[in-house]
Amino acid sequence: ETYGIPLDYNEDIWAICTRALAAKPGVYTHNSVRKDKFDVYPHP
């Protein structure tokens, strides 16, 4: 509501994804940009 960040869920957020690296607005995880991070996981 404040920044217009899209809330669409994409399955690719759990691994490195070029959308995140290219700064396409959306919801991502640390995994989206760093393969060495374990601080968020696909909890059902």
ModelCIF file with pLDDT and N, C-alpha, C, O atoms, coordinates in Angstrom:
data_MODEL
#
_entry.id   MODEL 
#
_entity.id                         1 
_entity.type                       polymer 
_entity.pdbx_number_of_molecules   1 
#
_entity_poly.entity_id                      1 
_entity_poly.type                           'polypeptide(L)' 
_entity_poly.nstd_linkage                   no 
_entity_poly.nstd_monomer                   no 
_entity_poly.pdbx_seq_one_letter_code       ETYGIPLDYNEDIWAICTRALAAKPGVYTHNSVRKDKFDVYPHP 
_entity_poly.pdbx_seq_one_letter_code_can   ETYGIPLDYNEDIWAICTRALAAKPGVYTHNSVRKDKFDVYPHP 
_entity_poly.pdbx_strand_id                 A 
#
loop_
_entity_poly_seq.entity_id 
_entity_poly_seq.num 
_entity_poly_seq.mon_id 
_entity_poly_seq.hetero 
1 1  GLU n 
1 2  THR n 
1 3  TYR n 
1 4  GLY n 
1 5  ILE n 
1 6  PRO n 
1 7  LEU n 
1 8  ASP n 
1 9  TYR n 
1 10 ASN n 
1 11 GLU n 
1 12 ASP n 
1 13 ILE n 
1 14 TRP n 
1 15 ALA n 
1 16 ILE n 
1 17 CYS n 
1 18 THR n 
1 19 ARG n 
1 20 ALA n 
1 21 LEU n 
1 22 ALA n 
1 23 ALA n 
1 24 LYS n 
1 25 PRO n 
1 26 GLY n 
1 27 VAL n 
1 28 TYR n 
1 29 THR n 
1 30 HIS n 
1 31 ASN n 
1 32 SER n 
1 33 VAL n 
1 34 ARG n 
1 35 LYS n 
1 36 ASP n 
1 37 LYS n 
1 38 PHE n 
1 39 ASP n 
1 40 VAL n 
1 41 TYR n 
1 42 PRO n 
1 43 HIS n 
1 44 PRO n 
#
_struct_asym.id          A 
_struct_asym.entity_id   1 
#
loop_
_ma_qa_metric.id 
_ma_qa_metric.mode 
_ma_qa_metric.name 
_ma_qa_metric.software_group_id 
_ma_qa_metric.type 
1 global pLDDT . pLDDT 
2 local  pLDDT . pLDDT 
#
_ma_qa_metric_global.metric_id      1 
_ma_qa_metric_global.metric_value   94.95 
_ma_qa_metric_global.model_id       1 
_ma_qa_metric_global.ordinal_id     1 
#
loop_
_ma_qa_metric_local.label_asym_id 
_ma_qa_metric_local.label_comp_id 
_ma_qa_metric_local.label_seq_id 
_ma_qa_metric_local.metric_id 
_ma_qa_metric_local.metric_value 
_ma_qa_metric_local.model_id 
_ma_qa_metric_local.ordinal_id 
A GLU 1  2 95.00 1 1  
A THR 2  2 94.00 1 2  
A TYR 3  2 92.00 1 3  
A GLY 4  2 94.00 1 4  
A ILE 5  2 94.00 1 5  
A PRO 6  2 96.00 1 6  
A LEU 7  2 97.00 1 7  
A ASP 8  2 95.00 1 8  
A TYR 9  2 96.00 1 9  
A ASN 10 2 96.00 1 10 
A GLU 11 2 96.00 1 11 
A ASP 12 2 96.00 1 12 
A ILE 13 2 97.00 1 13 
A TRP 14 2 97.00 1 14 
A ALA 15 2 96.00 1 15 
A ILE 16 2 95.00 1 16 
A CYS 17 2 95.00 1 17 
A THR 18 2 96.00 1 18 
A ARG 19 2 97.00 1 19 
A ALA 20 2 97.00 1 20 
A LEU 21 2 97.00 1 21 
A ALA 22 2 97.00 1 22 
A ALA 23 2 96.00 1 23 
A LYS 24 2 96.00 1 24 
A PRO 25 2 96.00 1 25 
A GLY 26 2 96.00 1 26 
A VAL 27 2 96.00 1 27 
A TYR 28 2 96.00 1 28 
A THR 29 2 95.00 1 29 
A HIS 30 2 94.00 1 30 
A ASN 31 2 95.00 1 31 
A SER 32 2 96.00 1 32 
A VAL 33 2 96.00 1 33 
A ARG 34 2 94.00 1 34 
A LYS 35 2 91.00 1 35 
A ASP 36 2 91.00 1 36 
A LYS 37 2 90.00 1 37 
A PHE 38 2 86.00 1 38 
A ASP 39 2 87.00 1 39 
A VAL 40 2 94.00 1 40 
A TYR 41 2 97.00 1 41 
A PRO 42 2 97.00 1 42 
A HIS 43 2 97.00 1 43 
A PRO 44 2 97.00 1 44 
#
loop_
_atom_site.group_PDB 
_atom_site.id 
_atom_site.type_symbol 
_atom_site.label_atom_id 
_atom_site.label_alt_id 
_atom_site.label_comp_id 
_atom_site.label_asym_id 
_atom_site.label_entity_id 
_atom_site.label_seq_id 
_atom_site.pdbx_PDB_ins_code 
_atom_site.Cartn_x 
_atom_site.Cartn_y 
_atom_site.Cartn_z 
_atom_site.occupancy 
_atom_site.B_iso_or_equiv 
_atom_site.pdbx_formal_charge 
_atom_site.auth_seq_id 
_atom_site.auth_comp_id 
_atom_site.auth_asym_id 
_atom_site.auth_atom_id 
_atom_site.pdbx_PDB_model_num 
ATOM 1   N N  . GLU A 1 1  ? 0.819  -1.209  0.000   1.00 95.00 ? 1  GLU A N  1 
ATOM 2   C CA . GLU A 1 1  ? 0.000  0.000   0.000   1.00 95.00 ? 1  GLU A CA 1 
ATOM 3   C C  . GLU A 1 1  ? 0.859  1.268   0.000   1.00 95.00 ? 1  GLU A C  1 
ATOM 4   O O  . GLU A 1 1  ? 0.487  2.264   -0.621  1.00 95.00 ? 1  GLU A O  1 
ATOM 5   N N  . THR A 1 2  ? 1.995  1.241   0.686   1.00 94.00 ? 2  THR A N  1 
ATOM 6   C CA . THR A 1 2  ? 2.854  2.416   0.834   1.00 94.00 ? 2  THR A CA 1 
ATOM 7   C C  . THR A 1 2  ? 3.807  2.610   -0.334  1.00 94.00 ? 2  THR A C  1 
ATOM 8   O O  . THR A 1 2  ? 3.990  3.729   -0.814  1.00 94.00 ? 2  THR A O  1 
ATOM 9   N N  . TYR A 1 3  ? 4.418  1.513   -0.795  1.00 92.00 ? 3  TYR A N  1 
ATOM 10  C CA . TYR A 1 3  ? 5.456  1.602   -1.822  1.00 92.00 ? 3  TYR A CA 1 
ATOM 11  C C  . TYR A 1 3  ? 5.069  0.961   -3.151  1.00 92.00 ? 3  TYR A C  1 
ATOM 12  O O  . TYR A 1 3  ? 5.834  1.014   -4.113  1.00 92.00 ? 3  TYR A O  1 
ATOM 13  N N  . GLY A 1 4  ? 3.887  0.358   -3.205  1.00 94.00 ? 4  GLY A N  1 
ATOM 14  C CA . GLY A 1 4  ? 3.434  -0.269  -4.444  1.00 94.00 ? 4  GLY A CA 1 
ATOM 15  C C  . GLY A 1 4  ? 4.171  -1.559  -4.797  1.00 94.00 ? 4  GLY A C  1 
ATOM 16  O O  . GLY A 1 4  ? 4.182  -1.967  -5.958  1.00 94.00 ? 4  GLY A O  1 
ATOM 17  N N  . ILE A 1 5  ? 4.779  -2.196  -3.817  1.00 94.00 ? 5  ILE A N  1 
ATOM 18  C CA . ILE A 1 5  ? 5.498  -3.443  -4.079  1.00 94.00 ? 5  ILE A CA 1 
ATOM 19  C C  . ILE A 1 5  ? 4.489  -4.538  -4.433  1.00 94.00 ? 5  ILE A C  1 
ATOM 20  O O  . ILE A 1 5  ? 3.590  -4.830  -3.644  1.00 94.00 ? 5  ILE A O  1 
ATOM 21  N N  . PRO A 1 6  ? 4.634  -5.149  -5.625  1.00 96.00 ? 6  PRO A N  1 
ATOM 22  C CA . PRO A 1 6  ? 3.709  -6.217  -6.017  1.00 96.00 ? 6  PRO A CA 1 
ATOM 23  C C  . PRO A 1 6  ? 3.816  -7.409  -5.063  1.00 96.00 ? 6  PRO A C  1 
ATOM 24  O O  . PRO A 1 6  ? 4.898  -7.728  -4.571  1.00 96.00 ? 6  PRO A O  1 
ATOM 25  N N  . LEU A 1 7  ? 2.685  -8.059  -4.810  1.00 97.00 ? 7  LEU A N  1 
ATOM 26  C CA . LEU A 1 7  ? 2.645  -9.176  -3.871  1.00 97.00 ? 7  LEU A CA 1 
ATOM 27  C C  . LEU A 1 7  ? 2.452  -10.531 -4.549  1.00 97.00 ? 7  LEU A C  1 
ATOM 28  O O  . LEU A 1 7  ? 2.129  -11.510 -3.876  1.00 97.00 ? 7  LEU A O  1 
ATOM 29  N N  . ASP A 1 8  ? 2.640  -10.607 -5.852  1.00 95.00 ? 8  ASP A N  1 
ATOM 30  C CA . ASP A 1 8  ? 2.486  -11.879 -6.553  1.00 95.00 ? 8  ASP A CA 1 
ATOM 31  C C  . ASP A 1 8  ? 3.498  -12.893 -6.030  1.00 95.00 ? 8  ASP A C  1 
ATOM 32  O O  . ASP A 1 8  ? 4.679  -12.581 -5.878  1.00 95.00 ? 8  ASP A O  1 
ATOM 33  N N  . TYR A 1 9  ? 3.024  -14.113 -5.756  1.00 96.00 ? 9  TYR A N  1 
ATOM 34  C CA . TYR A 1 9  ? 3.927  -15.169 -5.305  1.00 96.00 ? 9  TYR A CA 1 
ATOM 35  C C  . TYR A 1 9  ? 4.549  -15.856 -6.517  1.00 96.00 ? 9  TYR A C  1 
ATOM 36  O O  . TYR A 1 9  ? 3.853  -16.225 -7.463  1.00 96.00 ? 9  TYR A O  1 
ATOM 37  N N  . ASN A 1 10 ? 5.859  -16.021 -6.475  1.00 96.00 ? 10 ASN A N  1 
ATOM 38  C CA . ASN A 1 10 ? 6.595  -16.725 -7.526  1.00 96.00 ? 10 ASN A CA 1 
ATOM 39  C C  . ASN A 1 10 ? 7.438  -17.812 -6.882  1.00 96.00 ? 10 ASN A C  1 
ATOM 40  O O  . ASN A 1 10 ? 8.175  -17.552 -5.931  1.00 96.00 ? 10 ASN A O  1 
ATOM 41  N N  . GLU A 1 11 ? 7.329  -19.030 -7.398  1.00 96.00 ? 11 GLU A N  1 
ATOM 42  C CA . GLU A 1 11 ? 8.061  -20.181 -6.860  1.00 96.00 ? 11 GLU A CA 1 
ATOM 43  C C  . GLU A 1 11 ? 9.573  -19.997 -6.902  1.00 96.00 ? 11 GLU A C  1 
ATOM 44  O O  . GLU A 1 11 ? 10.288 -20.626 -6.122  1.00 96.00 ? 11 GLU A O  1 
ATOM 45  N N  . ASP A 1 12 ? 10.073 -19.150 -7.796  1.00 96.00 ? 12 ASP A N  1 
ATOM 46  C CA . ASP A 1 12 ? 11.517 -19.025 -7.982  1.00 96.00 ? 12 ASP A CA 1 
ATOM 47  C C  . ASP A 1 12 ? 12.226 -18.212 -6.898  1.00 96.00 ? 12 ASP A C  1 
ATOM 48  O O  . ASP A 1 12 ? 13.440 -18.021 -6.979  1.00 96.00 ? 12 ASP A O  1 
ATOM 49  N N  . ILE A 1 13 ? 11.510 -17.735 -5.903  1.00 97.00 ? 13 ILE A N  1 
ATOM 50  C CA . ILE A 1 13 ? 12.136 -16.900 -4.871  1.00 97.00 ? 13 ILE A CA 1 
ATOM 51  C C  . ILE A 1 13 ? 13.010 -17.691 -3.898  1.00 97.00 ? 13 ILE A C  1 
ATOM 52  O O  . ILE A 1 13 ? 13.700 -17.098 -3.069  1.00 97.00 ? 13 ILE A O  1 
ATOM 53  N N  . TRP A 1 14 ? 12.987 -19.012 -3.990  1.00 97.00 ? 14 TRP A N  1 
ATOM 54  C CA . TRP A 1 14 ? 13.738 -19.849 -3.060  1.00 97.00 ? 14 TRP A CA 1 
ATOM 55  C C  . TRP A 1 14 ? 15.134 -20.184 -3.577  1.00 97.00 ? 14 TRP A C  1 
ATOM 56  O O  . TRP A 1 14 ? 15.879 -20.918 -2.928  1.00 97.00 ? 14 TRP A O  1 
ATOM 57  N N  . ALA A 1 15 ? 15.488 -19.648 -4.740  1.00 96.00 ? 15 ALA A N  1 
ATOM 58  C CA . ALA A 1 15 ? 16.828 -19.832 -5.317  1.00 96.00 ? 15 ALA A CA 1 
ATOM 59  C C  . ALA A 1 15 ? 17.189 -18.533 -6.024  1.00 96.00 ? 15 ALA A C  1 
ATOM 60  O O  . ALA A 1 15 ? 16.344 -17.655 -6.197  1.00 96.00 ? 15 ALA A O  1 
ATOM 61  N N  . ILE A 1 16 ? 18.453 -18.416 -6.433  1.00 95.00 ? 16 ILE A N  1 
ATOM 62  C CA . ILE A 1 16 ? 18.883 -17.213 -7.148  1.00 95.00 ? 16 ILE A CA 1 
ATOM 63  C C  . ILE A 1 16 ? 17.948 -16.984 -8.336  1.00 95.00 ? 16 ILE A C  1 
ATOM 64  O O  . ILE A 1 16 ? 17.725 -17.881 -9.148  1.00 95.00 ? 16 ILE A O  1 
ATOM 65  N N  . CYS A 1 17 ? 17.412 -15.782 -8.422  1.00 95.00 ? 17 CYS A N  1 
ATOM 66  C CA . CYS A 1 17 ? 16.543 -15.480 -9.562  1.00 95.00 ? 17 CYS A CA 1 
ATOM 67  C C  . CYS A 1 17 ? 16.938 -14.131 -10.164 1.00 95.00 ? 17 CYS A C  1 
ATOM 68  O O  . CYS A 1 17 ? 17.198 -13.157 -9.457  1.00 95.00 ? 17 CYS A O  1 
ATOM 69  N N  . THR A 1 18 ? 16.973 -14.114 -11.479 1.00 96.00 ? 18 THR A N  1 
ATOM 70  C CA . THR A 1 18 ? 17.431 -12.911 -12.176 1.00 96.00 ? 18 THR A CA 1 
ATOM 71  C C  . THR A 1 18 ? 16.471 -11.748 -11.986 1.00 96.00 ? 18 THR A C  1 
ATOM 72  O O  . THR A 1 18 ? 16.897 -10.594 -12.044 1.00 96.00 ? 18 THR A O  1 
ATOM 73  N N  . ARG A 1 19 ? 15.194 -12.012 -11.762 1.00 97.00 ? 19 ARG A N  1 
ATOM 74  C CA . ARG A 1 19 ? 14.249 -10.914 -11.509 1.00 97.00 ? 19 ARG A CA 1 
ATOM 75  C C  . ARG A 1 19 ? 14.670 -10.125 -10.279 1.00 97.00 ? 19 ARG A C  1 
ATOM 76  O O  . ARG A 1 19 ? 14.626 -8.894  -10.275 1.00 97.00 ? 19 ARG A O  1 
ATOM 77  N N  . ALA A 1 20 ? 15.080 -10.840 -9.232  1.00 97.00 ? 20 ALA A N  1 
ATOM 78  C CA . ALA A 1 20 ? 15.517 -10.168 -8.002  1.00 97.00 ? 20 ALA A CA 1 
ATOM 79  C C  . ALA A 1 20 ? 16.803 -9.385  -8.250  1.00 97.00 ? 20 ALA A C  1 
ATOM 80  O O  . ALA A 1 20 ? 16.922 -8.233  -7.834  1.00 97.00 ? 20 ALA A O  1 
ATOM 81  N N  . LEU A 1 21 ? 17.763 -10.009 -8.927  1.00 97.00 ? 21 LEU A N  1 
ATOM 82  C CA . LEU A 1 21 ? 19.036 -9.332  -9.205  1.00 97.00 ? 21 LEU A CA 1 
ATOM 83  C C  . LEU A 1 21 ? 18.836 -8.112  -10.098 1.00 97.00 ? 21 LEU A C  1 
ATOM 84  O O  . LEU A 1 21 ? 19.559 -7.123  -9.978  1.00 97.00 ? 21 LEU A O  1 
ATOM 85  N N  . ALA A 1 22 ? 17.854 -8.184  -10.992 1.00 97.00 ? 22 ALA A N  1 
ATOM 86  C CA . ALA A 1 22 ? 17.568 -7.062  -11.890 1.00 97.00 ? 22 ALA A CA 1 
ATOM 87  C C  . ALA A 1 22 ? 16.691 -5.999  -11.228 1.00 97.00 ? 22 ALA A C  1 
ATOM 88  O O  . ALA A 1 22 ? 16.307 -5.020  -11.867 1.00 97.00 ? 22 ALA A O  1 
ATOM 89  N N  . ALA A 1 23 ? 16.379 -6.193  -9.957  1.00 96.00 ? 23 ALA A N  1 
ATOM 90  C CA . ALA A 1 23 ? 15.590 -5.240  -9.164  1.00 96.00 ? 23 ALA A CA 1 
ATOM 91  C C  . ALA A 1 23 ? 14.166 -5.074  -9.666  1.00 96.00 ? 23 ALA A C  1 
ATOM 92  O O  . ALA A 1 23 ? 13.594 -3.989  -9.565  1.00 96.00 ? 23 ALA A O  1 
ATOM 93  N N  . LYS A 1 24 ? 13.587 -6.148  -10.209 1.00 96.00 ? 24 LYS A N  1 
ATOM 94  C CA . LYS A 1 24 ? 12.176 -6.083  -10.577 1.00 96.00 ? 24 LYS A CA 1 
ATOM 95  C C  . LYS A 1 24 ? 11.374 -6.069  -9.276  1.00 96.00 ? 24 LYS A C  1 
ATOM 96  O O  . LYS A 1 24 ? 11.567 -6.946  -8.433  1.00 96.00 ? 24 LYS A O  1 
ATOM 97  N N  . PRO A 1 25 ? 10.487 -5.104  -9.095  1.00 96.00 ? 25 PRO A N  1 
ATOM 98  C CA . PRO A 1 25 ? 9.733  -5.018  -7.841  1.00 96.00 ? 25 PRO A CA 1 
ATOM 99  C C  . PRO A 1 25 ? 8.986  -6.314  -7.528  1.00 96.00 ? 25 PRO A C  1 
ATOM 100 O O  . PRO A 1 25 ? 8.405  -6.939  -8.416  1.00 96.00 ? 25 PRO A O  1 
ATOM 101 N N  . GLY A 1 26 ? 9.009  -6.704  -6.259  1.00 96.00 ? 26 GLY A N  1 
ATOM 102 C CA . GLY A 1 26 ? 8.312  -7.906  -5.824  1.00 96.00 ? 26 GLY A CA 1 
ATOM 103 C C  . GLY A 1 26 ? 8.806  -8.360  -4.470  1.00 96.00 ? 26 GLY A C  1 
ATOM 104 O O  . GLY A 1 26 ? 9.630  -7.707  -3.829  1.00 96.00 ? 26 GLY A O  1 
ATOM 105 N N  . VAL A 1 27 ? 8.277  -9.506  -4.049  1.00 96.00 ? 27 VAL A N  1 
ATOM 106 C CA . VAL A 1 27 ? 8.651  -10.120 -2.779  1.00 96.00 ? 27 VAL A CA 1 
ATOM 107 C C  . VAL A 1 27 ? 9.657  -11.222 -3.077  1.00 96.00 ? 27 VAL A C  1 
ATOM 108 O O  . VAL A 1 27 ? 9.400  -12.107 -3.894  1.00 96.00 ? 27 VAL A O  1 
ATOM 109 N N  . TYR A 1 28 ? 10.796 -11.160 -2.413  1.00 96.00 ? 28 TYR A N  1 
ATOM 110 C CA . TYR A 1 28 ? 11.861 -12.130 -2.613  1.00 96.00 ? 28 TYR A CA 1 
ATOM 111 C C  . TYR A 1 28 ? 12.369 -12.612 -1.258  1.00 96.00 ? 28 TYR A C  1 
ATOM 112 O O  . TYR A 1 28 ? 11.969 -12.095 -0.214  1.00 96.00 ? 28 TYR A O  1 
ATOM 113 N N  . THR A 1 29 ? 13.248 -13.600 -1.284  1.00 95.00 ? 29 THR A N  1 
ATOM 114 C CA . THR A 1 29 ? 13.903 -14.063 -0.062  1.00 95.00 ? 29 THR A CA 1 
ATOM 115 C C  . THR A 1 29 ? 15.399 -13.830 -0.198  1.00 95.00 ? 29 THR A C  1 
ATOM 116 O O  . THR A 1 29 ? 15.889 -13.494 -1.276  1.00 95.00 ? 29 THR A O  1 
ATOM 117 N N  . HIS A 1 30 ? 16.107 -14.007 0.881   1.00 94.00 ? 30 HIS A N  1 
ATOM 118 C CA . HIS A 1 30 ? 17.564 -13.908 0.833   1.00 94.00 ? 30 HIS A CA 1 
ATOM 119 C C  . HIS A 1 30 ? 18.121 -14.901 -0.190  1.00 94.00 ? 30 HIS A C  1 
ATOM 120 O O  . HIS A 1 30 ? 19.136 -14.638 -0.835  1.00 94.00 ? 30 HIS A O  1 
ATOM 121 N N  . ASN A 1 31 ? 17.438 -16.053 -0.331  1.00 95.00 ? 31 ASN A N  1 
ATOM 122 C CA . ASN A 1 31 ? 17.841 -17.084 -1.290  1.00 95.00 ? 31 ASN A CA 1 
ATOM 123 C C  . ASN A 1 31 ? 17.759 -16.583 -2.731  1.00 95.00 ? 31 ASN A C  1 
ATOM 124 O O  . ASN A 1 31 ? 18.439 -17.118 -3.608  1.00 95.00 ? 31 ASN A O  1 
ATOM 125 N N  . SER A 1 32 ? 16.947 -15.578 -2.982  1.00 96.00 ? 32 SER A N  1 
ATOM 126 C CA . SER A 1 32 ? 16.760 -15.048 -4.335  1.00 96.00 ? 32 SER A CA 1 
ATOM 127 C C  . SER A 1 32 ? 18.022 -14.389 -4.871  1.00 96.00 ? 32 SER A C  1 
ATOM 128 O O  . SER A 1 32 ? 18.194 -14.251 -6.082  1.00 96.00 ? 32 SER A O  1 
ATOM 129 N N  . VAL A 1 33 ? 18.910 -13.982 -3.958  1.00 96.00 ? 33 VAL A N  1 
ATOM 130 C CA . VAL A 1 33 ? 20.134 -13.292 -4.378  1.00 96.00 ? 33 VAL A CA 1 
ATOM 131 C C  . VAL A 1 33 ? 21.414 -13.893 -3.809  1.00 96.00 ? 33 VAL A C  1 
ATOM 132 O O  . VAL A 1 33 ? 22.510 -13.539 -4.242  1.00 96.00 ? 33 VAL A O  1 
ATOM 133 N N  . ARG A 1 34 ? 21.282 -14.809 -2.829  1.00 94.00 ? 34 ARG A N  1 
ATOM 134 C CA . ARG A 1 34 ? 22.472 -15.399 -2.204  1.00 94.00 ? 34 ARG A CA 1 
ATOM 135 C C  . ARG A 1 34 ? 22.262 -16.895 -1.994  1.00 94.00 ? 34 ARG A C  1 
ATOM 136 O O  . ARG A 1 34 ? 21.372 -17.307 -1.251  1.00 94.00 ? 34 ARG A O  1 
ATOM 137 N N  . LYS A 1 35 ? 23.080 -17.695 -2.647  1.00 91.00 ? 35 LYS A N  1 
ATOM 138 C CA . LYS A 1 35 ? 22.947 -19.150 -2.492  1.00 91.00 ? 35 LYS A CA 1 
ATOM 139 C C  . LYS A 1 35 ? 23.518 -19.646 -1.172  1.00 91.00 ? 35 LYS A C  1 
ATOM 140 O O  . LYS A 1 35 ? 23.250 -20.781 -0.777  1.00 91.00 ? 35 LYS A O  1 
ATOM 141 N N  . ASP A 1 36 ? 24.296 -18.825 -0.483  1.00 91.00 ? 36 ASP A N  1 
ATOM 142 C CA . ASP A 1 36 ? 24.929 -19.225 0.770   1.00 91.00 ? 36 ASP A CA 1 
ATOM 143 C C  . ASP A 1 36 ? 24.088 -18.925 2.004   1.00 91.00 ? 36 ASP A C  1 
ATOM 144 O O  . ASP A 1 36 ? 24.544 -19.167 3.121   1.00 91.00 ? 36 ASP A O  1 
ATOM 145 N N  . LYS A 1 37 ? 22.889 -18.411 1.840   1.00 90.00 ? 37 LYS A N  1 
ATOM 146 C CA . LYS A 1 37 ? 22.061 -18.050 2.986   1.00 90.00 ? 37 LYS A CA 1 
ATOM 147 C C  . LYS A 1 37 ? 21.028 -19.136 3.295   1.00 90.00 ? 37 LYS A C  1 
ATOM 148 O O  . LYS A 1 37 ? 20.488 -19.784 2.398   1.00 90.00 ? 37 LYS A O  1 
ATOM 149 N N  . PHE A 1 38 ? 20.769 -19.312 4.613   1.00 86.00 ? 38 PHE A N  1 
ATOM 150 C CA . PHE A 1 38 ? 19.824 -20.322 5.089   1.00 86.00 ? 38 PHE A CA 1 
ATOM 151 C C  . PHE A 1 38 ? 18.789 -19.696 6.026   1.00 86.00 ? 38 PHE A C  1 
ATOM 152 O O  . PHE A 1 38 ? 18.111 -20.413 6.761   1.00 86.00 ? 38 PHE A O  1 
ATOM 153 N N  . ASP A 1 39 ? 18.662 -18.372 6.008   1.00 87.00 ? 39 ASP A N  1 
ATOM 154 C CA . ASP A 1 39 ? 17.855 -17.699 7.027   1.00 87.00 ? 39 ASP A CA 1 
ATOM 155 C C  . ASP A 1 39 ? 16.364 -17.635 6.727   1.00 87.00 ? 39 ASP A C  1 
ATOM 156 O O  . ASP A 1 39 ? 15.598 -17.117 7.540   1.00 87.00 ? 39 ASP A O  1 
ATOM 157 N N  . VAL A 1 40 ? 15.948 -18.137 5.608   1.00 94.00 ? 40 VAL A N  1 
ATOM 158 C CA . VAL A 1 40 ? 14.517 -18.253 5.329   1.00 94.00 ? 40 VAL A CA 1 
ATOM 159 C C  . VAL A 1 40 ? 14.352 -19.491 4.474   1.00 94.00 ? 40 VAL A C  1 
ATOM 160 O O  . VAL A 1 40 ? 15.188 -19.784 3.619   1.00 94.00 ? 40 VAL A O  1 
ATOM 161 N N  . TYR A 1 41 ? 13.273 -20.214 4.709   1.00 97.00 ? 41 TYR A N  1 
ATOM 162 C CA . TYR A 1 41 ? 13.060 -21.464 3.974   1.00 97.00 ? 41 TYR A CA 1 
ATOM 163 C C  . TYR A 1 41 ? 11.593 -21.578 3.583   1.00 97.00 ? 41 TYR A C  1 
ATOM 164 O O  . TYR A 1 41 ? 10.751 -20.858 4.118   1.00 97.00 ? 41 TYR A O  1 
ATOM 165 N N  . PRO A 1 42 ? 11.280 -22.481 2.650   1.00 97.00 ? 42 PRO A N  1 
ATOM 166 C CA . PRO A 1 42 ? 9.900  -22.607 2.161   1.00 97.00 ? 42 PRO A CA 1 
ATOM 167 C C  . PRO A 1 42 ? 8.980  -23.348 3.141   1.00 97.00 ? 42 PRO A C  1 
ATOM 168 O O  . PRO A 1 42 ? 8.538  -24.466 2.878   1.00 97.00 ? 42 PRO A O  1 
ATOM 169 N N  . HIS A 1 43 ? 8.713  -22.708 4.249   1.00 97.00 ? 43 HIS A N  1 
ATOM 170 C CA . HIS A 1 43 ? 7.794  -23.233 5.265   1.00 97.00 ? 43 HIS A CA 1 
ATOM 171 C C  . HIS A 1 43 ? 6.394  -23.261 4.644   1.00 97.00 ? 43 HIS A C  1 
ATOM 172 O O  . HIS A 1 43 ? 5.953  -22.255 4.089   1.00 97.00 ? 43 HIS A O  1 
ATOM 173 N N  . PRO A 1 44 ? 5.692  -24.385 4.725   1.00 97.00 ? 44 PRO A N  1 
ATOM 174 C CA . PRO A 1 44 ? 4.371  -24.498 4.071   1.00 97.00 ? 44 PRO A CA 1 
ATOM 175 C C  . PRO A 1 44 ? 3.392  -23.384 4.443   1.00 97.00 ? 44 PRO A C  1 
ATOM 176 O O  . PRO A 1 44 ? 2.259  -23.371 3.960   1.00 97.00 ? 44 PRO A O  1 
#
